[in-house]
Amino acid sequence: MFKVITRNYSAEFERWTDALDAANALKPECKNWLQDIRIFDGDDLVWIYSRLHRYPQYIGAGTYNRLARLFIFEAMLEEELKQAAKQETQENQNQDNQMS
């Protein structure tokens, strides 16, 4: 479970990509030099963005590699689900055409 936290905002996400998208969408709201956006994986801080750094910081040894692999896995899973839904729709249309 991933949690995105910043001033006046907190949300939990099942997927890393959803948490990352939410955090990136909050970047324009991060106007104060002392304000930051954080992503936690459970109780562990894994990602932080602030105006003090040009790019987001990944916290912890091996965190970037682990989250990059998770991002790729989630993207592949999403693509498989889309393909399965597309195939199911085509099968339903074929059945409807045969019944007509």
PDB file of N, CA and C in Angstrom:
ATOM      1  N   MET A   1       0.852  -1.168   0.000  1.00  0.00           N
ATOM      2  CA  MET A   1       0.000   0.000   0.000  1.00  0.00           C
ATOM      3  C   MET A   1       0.903   1.238   0.000  1.00  0.00           C
ATOM      4  N   PHE A   2       0.664   2.115  -0.938  1.00  0.00           N
ATOM      5  CA  PHE A   2       1.432   3.350  -1.070  1.00  0.00           C
ATOM      6  C   PHE A   2       0.592   4.518  -0.575  1.00  0.00           C
ATOM      7  N   LYS A   3       1.243   5.449   0.074  1.00  0.00           N
ATOM      8  CA  LYS A   3       0.541   6.613   0.598  1.00  0.00           C
ATOM      9  C   LYS A   3       1.254   7.881   0.136  1.00  0.00           C
ATOM     10  N   VAL A   4       0.489   8.790  -0.481  1.00  0.00           N
ATOM     11  CA  VAL A   4       1.020  10.077  -0.936  1.00  0.00           C
ATOM     12  C   VAL A   4       0.595  11.124   0.080  1.00  0.00           C
ATOM     13  N   ILE A   5       1.572  11.877   0.566  1.00  0.00           N
ATOM     14  CA  ILE A   5       1.299  12.874   1.609  1.00  0.00           C
ATOM     15  C   ILE A   5       1.964  14.194   1.255  1.00  0.00           C
ATOM     16  N   THR A   6       1.216  15.264   1.405  1.00  0.00           N
ATOM     17  CA  THR A   6       1.735  16.616   1.323  1.00  0.00           C
ATOM     18  C   THR A   6       0.824  17.487   2.182  1.00  0.00           C
ATOM     19  N   ARG A   7       1.105  18.751   2.248  1.00  0.00           N
ATOM     20  CA  ARG A   7       0.264  19.640   3.034  1.00  0.00           C
ATOM     21  C   ARG A   7      -1.157  19.642   2.463  1.00  0.00           C
ATOM     22  N   ASN A   8      -2.146  19.419   3.289  1.00  0.00           N
ATOM     23  CA  ASN A   8      -3.572  19.415   2.939  1.00  0.00           C
ATOM     24  C   ASN A   8      -3.974  18.290   1.985  1.00  0.00           C
ATOM     25  N   TYR A   9      -3.174  17.234   1.863  1.00  0.00           N
ATOM     26  CA  TYR A   9      -3.530  16.126   0.986  1.00  0.00           C
ATOM     27  C   TYR A   9      -2.888  14.842   1.496  1.00  0.00           C
ATOM     28  N   SER A  10      -3.683  13.784   1.484  1.00  0.00           N
ATOM     29  CA  SER A  10      -3.187  12.461   1.830  1.00  0.00           C
ATOM     30  C   SER A  10      -4.089  11.438   1.151  1.00  0.00           C
ATOM     31  N   ALA A  11      -3.494  10.478   0.463  1.00  0.00           N
ATOM     32  CA  ALA A  11      -4.275   9.445  -0.207  1.00  0.00           C
ATOM     33  C   ALA A  11      -3.477   8.148  -0.244  1.00  0.00           C
ATOM     34  N   GLU A  12      -4.208   7.031  -0.235  1.00  0.00           N
ATOM     35  CA  GLU A  12      -3.579   5.718  -0.298  1.00  0.00           C
ATOM     36  C   GLU A  12      -3.899   5.059  -1.630  1.00  0.00           C
ATOM     37  N   PHE A  13      -2.922   4.308  -2.148  1.00  0.00           N
ATOM     38  CA  PHE A  13      -3.051   3.658  -3.439  1.00  0.00           C
ATOM     39  C   PHE A  13      -2.526   2.237  -3.348  1.00  0.00           C
ATOM     40  N   GLU A  14      -3.147   1.340  -4.084  1.00  0.00           N
ATOM     41  CA  GLU A  14      -2.693  -0.050  -4.153  1.00  0.00           C
ATOM     42  C   GLU A  14      -1.485  -0.176  -5.075  1.00  0.00           C
ATOM     43  N   ARG A  15      -1.478   0.604  -6.147  1.00  0.00           N
ATOM     44  CA  ARG A  15      -0.427   0.481  -7.166  1.00  0.00           C
ATOM     45  C   ARG A  15       0.576   1.628  -7.084  1.00  0.00           C
ATOM     46  N   TRP A  16       1.833   1.303  -7.356  1.00  0.00           N
ATOM     47  CA  TRP A  16       2.897   2.314  -7.373  1.00  0.00           C
ATOM     48  C   TRP A  16       2.633   3.362  -8.440  1.00  0.00           C
ATOM     49  N   THR A  17       2.191   2.928  -9.617  1.00  0.00           N
ATOM     50  CA  THR A  17       1.979   3.879 -10.706  1.00  0.00           C
ATOM     51  C   THR A  17       0.887   4.891 -10.372  1.00  0.00           C
ATOM     52  N   ASP A  18      -0.150   4.463  -9.670  1.00  0.00           N
ATOM     53  CA  ASP A  18      -1.208   5.390  -9.266  1.00  0.00           C
ATOM     54  C   ASP A  18      -0.687   6.409  -8.255  1.00  0.00           C
ATOM     55  N   ALA A  19       0.125   5.939  -7.313  1.00  0.00           N
ATOM     56  CA  ALA A  19       0.704   6.847  -6.318  1.00  0.00           C
ATOM     57  C   ALA A  19       1.649   7.847  -6.992  1.00  0.00           C
ATOM     58  N   LEU A  20       2.452   7.358  -7.917  1.00  0.00           N
ATOM     59  CA  LEU A  20       3.395   8.228  -8.622  1.00  0.00           C
ATOM     60  C   LEU A  20       2.660   9.266  -9.475  1.00  0.00           C
ATOM     61  N   ASP A  21       1.594   8.849 -10.152  1.00  0.00           N
ATOM     62  CA  ASP A  21       0.798   9.793 -10.946  1.00  0.00           C
ATOM     63  C   ASP A  21       0.182  10.870 -10.056  1.00  0.00           C
ATOM     64  N   ALA A  22      -0.328  10.467  -8.904  1.00  0.00           N
ATOM     65  CA  ALA A  22      -0.929  11.434  -7.981  1.00  0.00           C
ATOM     66  C   ALA A  22       0.120  12.416  -7.467  1.00  0.00           C
ATOM     67  N   ALA A  23       1.292  11.907  -7.125  1.00  0.00           N
ATOM     68  CA  ALA A  23       2.362  12.775  -6.627  1.00  0.00           C
ATOM     69  C   ALA A  23       2.832  13.746  -7.707  1.00  0.00           C
ATOM     70  N   ASN A  24       2.989  13.248  -8.922  1.00  0.00           N
ATOM     71  CA  ASN A  24       3.414  14.129 -10.022  1.00  0.00           C
ATOM     72  C   ASN A  24       2.368  15.190 -10.325  1.00  0.00           C
ATOM     73  N   ALA A  25       1.098  14.859 -10.172  1.00  0.00           N
ATOM     74  CA  ALA A  25       0.034  15.841 -10.399  1.00  0.00           C
ATOM     75  C   ALA A  25       0.057  16.943  -9.338  1.00  0.00           C
ATOM     76  N   LEU A  26       0.614  16.648  -8.180  1.00  0.00           N
ATOM     77  CA  LEU A  26       0.686  17.633  -7.098  1.00  0.00           C
ATOM     78  C   LEU A  26       1.896  18.558  -7.206  1.00  0.00           C
ATOM     79  N   LYS A  27       2.838  18.277  -8.079  1.00  0.00           N
ATOM     80  CA  LYS A  27       4.054  19.089  -8.192  1.00  0.00           C
ATOM     81  C   LYS A  27       3.776  20.578  -8.392  1.00  0.00           C
ATOM     82  N   PRO A  28       2.830  20.980  -9.254  1.00  0.00           N
ATOM     83  CA  PRO A  28       2.577  22.420  -9.423  1.00  0.00           C
ATOM     84  C   PRO A  28       2.075  23.098  -8.144  1.00  0.00           C
ATOM     85  N   GLU A  29       1.498  22.318  -7.237  1.00  0.00           N
ATOM     86  CA  GLU A  29       1.002  22.876  -5.977  1.00  0.00           C
ATOM     87  C   GLU A  29       2.122  23.084  -4.956  1.00  0.00           C
ATOM     88  N   CYS A  30       3.275  22.535  -5.232  1.00  0.00           N
ATOM     89  CA  CYS A  30       4.411  22.616  -4.317  1.00  0.00           C
ATOM     90  C   CYS A  30       5.169  23.918  -4.586  1.00  0.00           C
ATOM     91  N   LYS A  31       4.676  25.010  -4.020  1.00  0.00           N
ATOM     92  CA  LYS A  31       5.219  26.339  -4.324  1.00  0.00           C
ATOM     93  C   LYS A  31       6.169  26.872  -3.257  1.00  0.00           C
ATOM     94  N   ASN A  32       6.038  26.385  -2.054  1.00  0.00           N
ATOM     95  CA  ASN A  32       6.856  26.836  -0.944  1.00  0.00           C
ATOM     96  C   ASN A  32       8.161  26.037  -0.913  1.00  0.00           C
ATOM     97  N   TRP A  33       9.261  26.685  -0.594  1.00  0.00           N
ATOM     98  CA  TRP A  33      10.557  26.009  -0.538  1.00  0.00           C
ATOM     99  C   TRP A  33      10.588  24.916   0.523  1.00  0.00           C
ATOM    100  N   LEU A  34       9.774  25.041   1.547  1.00  0.00           N
ATOM    101  CA  LEU A  34       9.787  24.064   2.639  1.00  0.00           C
ATOM    102  C   LEU A  34       8.730  22.979   2.470  1.00  0.00           C
ATOM    103  N   GLN A  35       7.855  23.114   1.487  1.00  0.00           N
ATOM    104  CA  GLN A  35       6.815  22.123   1.265  1.00  0.00           C
ATOM    105  C   GLN A  35       7.369  20.978   0.417  1.00  0.00           C
ATOM    106  N   ASP A  36       6.919  19.766   0.688  1.00  0.00           N
ATOM    107  CA  ASP A  36       7.348  18.626  -0.122  1.00  0.00           C
ATOM    108  C   ASP A  36       6.189  17.658  -0.333  1.00  0.00           C
ATOM    109  N   ILE A  37       6.411  16.735  -1.244  1.00  0.00           N
ATOM    110  CA  ILE A  37       5.456  15.671  -1.543  1.00  0.00           C
ATOM    111  C   ILE A  37       6.192  14.365  -1.261  1.00  0.00           C
ATOM    112  N   ARG A  38       5.556  13.497  -0.489  1.00  0.00           N
ATOM    113  CA  ARG A  38       6.208  12.247  -0.103  1.00  0.00           C
ATOM    114  C   ARG A  38       5.347  11.053  -0.474  1.00  0.00           C
ATOM    115  N   ILE A  39       6.008   9.961  -0.852  1.00  0.00           N
ATOM    116  CA  ILE A  39       5.337   8.689  -1.068  1.00  0.00           C
ATOM    117  C   ILE A  39       5.947   7.682  -0.104  1.00  0.00           C
ATOM    118  N   PHE A  40       5.070   7.016   0.636  1.00  0.00           N
ATOM    119  CA  PHE A  40       5.482   5.977   1.564  1.00  0.00           C
ATOM    120  C   PHE A  40       5.031   4.626   1.034  1.00  0.00           C
ATOM    121  N   ASP A  41       5.885   3.629   1.174  1.00  0.00           N
ATOM    122  CA  ASP A  41       5.531   2.237   0.900  1.00  0.00           C
ATOM    123  C   ASP A  41       5.372   1.589   2.266  1.00  0.00           C
ATOM    124  N   GLY A  42       4.136   1.490   2.708  1.00  0.00           N
ATOM    125  CA  GLY A  42       3.891   1.072   4.088  1.00  0.00           C
ATOM    126  C   GLY A  42       4.351   2.191   5.008  1.00  0.00           C
ATOM    127  N   ASP A  43       5.317   1.893   5.866  1.00  0.00           N
ATOM    128  CA  ASP A  43       5.865   2.909   6.773  1.00  0.00           C
ATOM    129  C   ASP A  43       7.173   3.506   6.261  1.00  0.00           C
ATOM    130  N   ASP A  44       7.671   3.008   5.134  1.00  0.00           N
ATOM    131  CA  ASP A  44       8.970   3.435   4.614  1.00  0.00           C
ATOM    132  C   ASP A  44       8.830   4.549   3.575  1.00  0.00           C
ATOM    133  N   LEU A  45       9.547   5.637   3.791  1.00  0.00           N
ATOM    134  CA  LEU A  45       9.603   6.722   2.809  1.00  0.00           C
ATOM    135  C   LEU A  45      10.431   6.244   1.623  1.00  0.00           C
ATOM    136  N   VAL A  46       9.843   6.316   0.407  1.00  0.00           N
ATOM    137  CA  VAL A  46      10.561   5.835  -0.776  1.00  0.00           C
ATOM    138  C   VAL A  46      10.779   6.918  -1.828  1.00  0.00           C
ATOM    139  N   TRP A  47      10.006   8.027  -1.768  1.00  0.00           N
ATOM    140  CA  TRP A  47      10.074   9.047  -2.825  1.00  0.00           C
ATOM    141  C   TRP A  47       9.734  10.392  -2.211  1.00  0.00           C
ATOM    142  N   ILE A  48      10.494  11.415  -2.594  1.00  0.00           N
ATOM    143  CA  ILE A  48      10.215  12.756  -2.089  1.00  0.00           C
ATOM    144  C   ILE A  48      10.523  13.782  -3.183  1.00  0.00           C
ATOM    145  N   TYR A  49       9.646  14.768  -3.282  1.00  0.00           N
ATOM    146  CA  TYR A  49       9.857  15.872  -4.223  1.00  0.00           C
ATOM    147  C   TYR A  49       9.737  17.177  -3.446  1.00  0.00           C
ATOM    148  N   SER A  50      10.674  18.073  -3.672  1.00  0.00           N
ATOM    149  CA  SER A  50      10.596  19.425  -3.109  1.00  0.00           C
ATOM    150  C   SER A  50      11.273  20.383  -4.075  1.00  0.00           C
ATOM    151  N   ARG A  51      11.077  21.637  -3.884  1.00  0.00           N
ATOM    152  CA  ARG A  51      11.707  22.635  -4.758  1.00  0.00           C
ATOM    153  C   ARG A  51      13.201  22.763  -4.493  1.00  0.00           C
ATOM    154  N   LEU A  52      13.679  22.143  -3.430  1.00  0.00           N
ATOM    155  CA  LEU A  52      15.113  22.190  -3.124  1.00  0.00           C
ATOM    156  C   LEU A  52      15.926  21.339  -4.099  1.00  0.00           C
ATOM    157  N   HIS A  53      15.279  20.347  -4.730  1.00  0.00           N
ATOM    158  CA  HIS A  53      15.954  19.464  -5.675  1.00  0.00           C
ATOM    159  C   HIS A  53      15.294  19.580  -7.045  1.00  0.00           C
ATOM    160  N   ARG A  54      16.102  19.475  -8.071  1.00  0.00           N
ATOM    161  CA  ARG A  54      15.571  19.590  -9.430  1.00  0.00           C
ATOM    162  C   ARG A  54      14.681  18.393  -9.789  1.00  0.00           C
ATOM    163  N   TYR A  55      15.058  17.206  -9.321  1.00  0.00           N
ATOM    164  CA  TYR A  55      14.321  15.978  -9.616  1.00  0.00           C
ATOM    165  C   TYR A  55      13.894  15.309  -8.312  1.00  0.00           C
ATOM    166  N   PRO A  56      12.868  14.471  -8.366  1.00  0.00           N
ATOM    167  CA  PRO A  56      12.460  13.733  -7.154  1.00  0.00           C
ATOM    168  C   PRO A  56      13.593  12.847  -6.657  1.00  0.00           C
ATOM    169  N   GLN A  57      13.619  12.606  -5.374  1.00  0.00           N
ATOM    170  CA  GLN A  57      14.653  11.788  -4.748  1.00  0.00           C
ATOM    171  C   GLN A  57      14.053  10.439  -4.357  1.00  0.00           C
ATOM    172  N   TYR A  58      14.740   9.358  -4.696  1.00  0.00           N
ATOM    173  CA  TYR A  58      14.352   8.019  -4.251  1.00  0.00           C
ATOM    174  C   TYR A  58      15.166   7.720  -3.008  1.00  0.00           C
ATOM    175  N   ILE A  59      14.493   7.305  -1.940  1.00  0.00           N
ATOM    176  CA  ILE A  59      15.126   7.149  -0.643  1.00  0.00           C
ATOM    177  C   ILE A  59      15.399   5.670  -0.374  1.00  0.00           C
ATOM    178  N   GLY A  60      16.643   5.340  -0.064  1.00  0.00           N
ATOM    179  CA  GLY A  60      17.007   3.977   0.317  1.00  0.00           C
ATOM    180  C   GLY A  60      17.763   3.251  -0.774  1.00  0.00           C
ATOM    181  N   ALA A  61      18.627   2.351  -0.347  1.00  0.00           N
ATOM    182  CA  ALA A  61      19.431   1.559  -1.278  1.00  0.00           C
ATOM    183  C   ALA A  61      18.536   0.624  -2.076  1.00  0.00           C
ATOM    184  N   GLY A  62      18.669   0.636  -3.393  1.00  0.00           N
ATOM    185  CA  GLY A  62      17.915  -0.250  -4.259  1.00  0.00           C
ATOM    186  C   GLY A  62      16.464   0.142  -4.484  1.00  0.00           C
ATOM    187  N   THR A  63      16.040   1.251  -3.918  1.00  0.00           N
ATOM    188  CA  THR A  63      14.636   1.658  -4.030  1.00  0.00           C
ATOM    189  C   THR A  63      14.262   1.970  -5.471  1.00  0.00           C
ATOM    190  N   TYR A  64      15.106   2.721  -6.160  1.00  0.00           N
ATOM    191  CA  TYR A  64      14.792   3.083  -7.549  1.00  0.00           C
ATOM    192  C   TYR A  64      14.613   1.832  -8.411  1.00  0.00           C
ATOM    193  N   ASN A  65      15.546   0.876  -8.304  1.00  0.00           N
ATOM    194  CA  ASN A  65      15.465  -0.344  -9.107  1.00  0.00           C
ATOM    195  C   ASN A  65      14.214  -1.148  -8.773  1.00  0.00           C
ATOM    196  N   ARG A  66      13.892  -1.265  -7.495  1.00  0.00           N
ATOM    197  CA  ARG A  66      12.711  -2.019  -7.080  1.00  0.00           C
ATOM    198  C   ARG A  66      11.439  -1.372  -7.617  1.00  0.00           C
ATOM    199  N   LEU A  67      11.344  -0.055  -7.507  1.00  0.00           N
ATOM    200  CA  LEU A  67      10.148   0.644  -7.968  1.00  0.00           C
ATOM    201  C   LEU A  67      10.070   0.674  -9.497  1.00  0.00           C
ATOM    202  N   ALA A  68      11.212   0.718 -10.167  1.00  0.00           N
ATOM    203  CA  ALA A  68      11.210   0.666 -11.635  1.00  0.00           C
ATOM    204  C   ALA A  68      10.695  -0.696 -12.109  1.00  0.00           C
ATOM    205  N   ARG A  69      11.143  -1.781 -11.463  1.00  0.00           N
ATOM    206  CA  ARG A  69      10.637  -3.111 -11.817  1.00  0.00           C
ATOM    207  C   ARG A  69       9.143  -3.219 -11.531  1.00  0.00           C
ATOM    208  N   LEU A  70       8.687  -2.643 -10.431  1.00  0.00           N
ATOM    209  CA  LEU A  70       7.266  -2.664 -10.089  1.00  0.00           C
ATOM    210  C   LEU A  70       6.461  -1.869 -11.124  1.00  0.00           C
ATOM    211  N   PHE A  71       6.990  -0.734 -11.568  1.00  0.00           N
ATOM    212  CA  PHE A  71       6.339   0.086 -12.594  1.00  0.00           C
ATOM    213  C   PHE A  71       6.162  -0.719 -13.885  1.00  0.00           C
ATOM    214  N   ILE A  72       7.214  -1.412 -14.305  1.00  0.00           N
ATOM    215  CA  ILE A  72       7.159  -2.221 -15.529  1.00  0.00           C
ATOM    216  C   ILE A  72       6.166  -3.373 -15.363  1.00  0.00           C
ATOM    217  N   PHE A  73       6.187  -4.035 -14.210  1.00  0.00           N
ATOM    218  CA  PHE A  73       5.254  -5.130 -13.956  1.00  0.00           C
ATOM    219  C   PHE A  73       3.808  -4.646 -14.017  1.00  0.00           C
ATOM    220  N   GLU A  74       3.522  -3.506 -13.384  1.00  0.00           N
ATOM    221  CA  GLU A  74       2.159  -2.965 -13.389  1.00  0.00           C
ATOM    222  C   GLU A  74       1.727  -2.567 -14.800  1.00  0.00           C
ATOM    223  N   ALA A  75       2.640  -2.025 -15.593  1.00  0.00           N
ATOM    224  CA  ALA A  75       2.317  -1.650 -16.973  1.00  0.00           C
ATOM    225  C   ALA A  75       2.015  -2.885 -17.810  1.00  0.00           C
ATOM    226  N   MET A  76       2.796  -3.948 -17.628  1.00  0.00           N
ATOM    227  CA  MET A  76       2.557  -5.190 -18.364  1.00  0.00           C
ATOM    228  C   MET A  76       1.224  -5.815 -17.950  1.00  0.00           C
ATOM    229  N   LEU A  77       0.928  -5.810 -16.675  1.00  0.00           N
ATOM    230  CA  LEU A  77      -0.329  -6.360 -16.177  1.00  0.00           C
ATOM    231  C   LEU A  77      -1.516  -5.575 -16.718  1.00  0.00           C
ATOM    232  N   GLU A  78      -1.399  -4.261 -16.738  1.00  0.00           N
ATOM    233  CA  GLU A  78      -2.467  -3.409 -17.277  1.00  0.00           C
ATOM    234  C   GLU A  78      -2.699  -3.701 -18.756  1.00  0.00           C
ATOM    235  N   GLU A  79      -1.622  -3.896 -19.505  1.00  0.00           N
ATOM    236  CA  GLU A  79      -1.742  -4.203 -20.932  1.00  0.00           C
ATOM    237  C   GLU A  79      -2.418  -5.561 -21.134  1.00  0.00           C
ATOM    238  N   GLU A  80      -2.059  -6.551 -20.311  1.00  0.00           N
ATOM    239  CA  GLU A  80      -2.700  -7.865 -20.406  1.00  0.00           C
ATOM    240  C   GLU A  80      -4.193  -7.771 -20.121  1.00  0.00           C
ATOM    241  N   LEU A  81      -4.558  -6.983 -19.128  1.00  0.00           N
ATOM    242  CA  LEU A  81      -5.976  -6.810 -18.798  1.00  0.00           C
ATOM    243  C   LEU A  81      -6.731  -6.132 -19.931  1.00  0.00           C
ATOM    244  N   LYS A  82      -6.099  -5.155 -20.565  1.00  0.00           N
ATOM    245  CA  LYS A  82      -6.730  -4.487 -21.712  1.00  0.00           C
ATOM    246  C   LYS A  82      -6.936  -5.464 -22.858  1.00  0.00           C
ATOM    247  N   GLN A  83      -5.929  -6.293 -23.129  1.00  0.00           N
ATOM    248  CA  GLN A  83      -6.023  -7.270 -24.207  1.00  0.00           C
ATOM    249  C   GLN A  83      -7.117  -8.301 -23.915  1.00  0.00           C
ATOM    250  N   ALA A  84      -7.200  -8.746 -22.663  1.00  0.00           N
ATOM    251  CA  ALA A  84      -8.225  -9.718 -22.282  1.00  0.00           C
ATOM    252  C   ALA A  84      -9.616  -9.111 -22.422  1.00  0.00           C
ATOM    253  N   ALA A  85      -9.774  -7.863 -22.024  1.00  0.00           N
ATOM    254  CA  ALA A  85     -11.070  -7.192 -22.148  1.00  0.00           C
ATOM    255  C   ALA A  85     -11.437  -7.003 -23.615  1.00  0.00           C
ATOM    256  N   LYS A  86     -10.455  -6.661 -24.434  1.00  0.00           N
ATOM    257  CA  LYS A  86     -10.698  -6.477 -25.864  1.00  0.00           C
ATOM    258  C   LYS A  86     -11.111  -7.802 -26.507  1.00  0.00           C
ATOM    259  N   GLN A  87     -10.434  -8.874 -26.140  1.00  0.00           N
ATOM    260  CA  GLN A  87     -10.752 -10.189 -26.686  1.00  0.00           C
ATOM    261  C   GLN A  87     -12.149 -10.629 -26.238  1.00  0.00           C
ATOM    262  N   GLU A  88     -12.493 -10.375 -24.981  1.00  0.00           N
ATOM    263  CA  GLU A  88     -13.821 -10.736 -24.475  1.00  0.00           C
ATOM    264  C   GLU A  88     -14.912  -9.954 -25.206  1.00  0.00           C
ATOM    265  N   THR A  89     -14.664  -8.684 -25.473  1.00  0.00           N
ATOM    266  CA  THR A  89     -15.627  -7.865 -26.215  1.00  0.00           C
ATOM    267  C   THR A  89     -15.824  -8.406 -27.620  1.00  0.00           C
ATOM    268  N   GLN A  90     -14.724  -8.780 -28.281  1.00  0.00           N
ATOM    269  CA  GLN A  90     -14.821  -9.336 -29.628  1.00  0.00           C
ATOM    270  C   GLN A  90     -15.589 -10.658 -29.622  1.00  0.00           C
ATOM    271  N   GLU A  91     -15.349 -11.499 -28.626  1.00  0.00           N
ATOM    272  CA  GLU A  91     -16.064 -12.772 -28.525  1.00  0.00           C
ATOM    273  C   GLU A  91     -17.554 -12.549 -28.306  1.00  0.00           C
ATOM    274  N   ASN A  92     -17.896 -11.577 -27.467  1.00  0.00           N
ATOM    275  CA  ASN A  92     -19.305 -11.259 -27.218  1.00  0.00           C
ATOM    276  C   ASN A  92     -19.972 -10.751 -28.496  1.00  0.00           C
ATOM    277  N   GLN A  93     -19.257  -9.927 -29.259  1.00  0.00           N
ATOM    278  CA  GLN A  93     -19.815  -9.419 -30.512  1.00  0.00           C
ATOM    279  C   GLN A  93     -20.011 -10.557 -31.505  1.00  0.00           C
ATOM    280  N   ASN A  94     -19.074 -11.497 -31.561  1.00  0.00           N
ATOM    281  CA  ASN A  94     -19.205 -12.644 -32.462  1.00  0.00           C
ATOM    282  C   ASN A  94     -20.405 -13.503 -32.069  1.00  0.00           C
ATOM    283  N   GLN A  95     -20.610 -13.698 -30.772  1.00  0.00           N
ATOM    284  CA  GLN A  95     -21.761 -14.468 -30.310  1.00  0.00           C
ATOM    285  C   GLN A  95     -23.067 -13.758 -30.647  1.00  0.00           C
ATOM    286  N   ASP A  96     -23.090 -12.453 -30.471  1.00  0.00           N
ATOM    287  CA  ASP A  96     -24.291 -11.673 -30.813  1.00  0.00           C
ATOM    288  C   ASP A  96     -24.590 -11.762 -32.303  1.00  0.00           C
ATOM    289  N   ASN A  97     -23.551 -11.706 -33.133  1.00  0.00           N
ATOM    290  CA  ASN A  97     -23.726 -11.795 -34.589  1.00  0.00           C
ATOM    291  C   ASN A  97     -24.237 -13.178 -34.998  1.00  0.00           C
ATOM    292  N   GLN A  98     -23.774 -14.219 -34.321  1.00  0.00           N
ATOM    293  CA  GLN A  98     -24.209 -15.567 -34.641  1.00  0.00           C
ATOM    294  C   GLN A  98     -25.668 -15.790 -34.244  1.00  0.00           C
ATOM    295  N   MET A  99     -26.106 -15.143 -33.184  1.00  0.00           N
ATOM    296  CA  MET A  99     -27.477 -15.287 -32.711  1.00  0.00           C
ATOM    297  C   MET A  99     -28.466 -14.530 -33.611  1.00  0.00           C
ATOM    298  N   SER A 100     -27.977 -13.532 -34.317  1.00  0.00           N
ATOM    299  CA  SER A 100     -28.860 -12.711 -35.152  1.00  0.00           C
ATOM    300  C   SER A 100     -29.239 -13.363 -36.445  1.00  0.00           C
TER     301      SER A 100
END
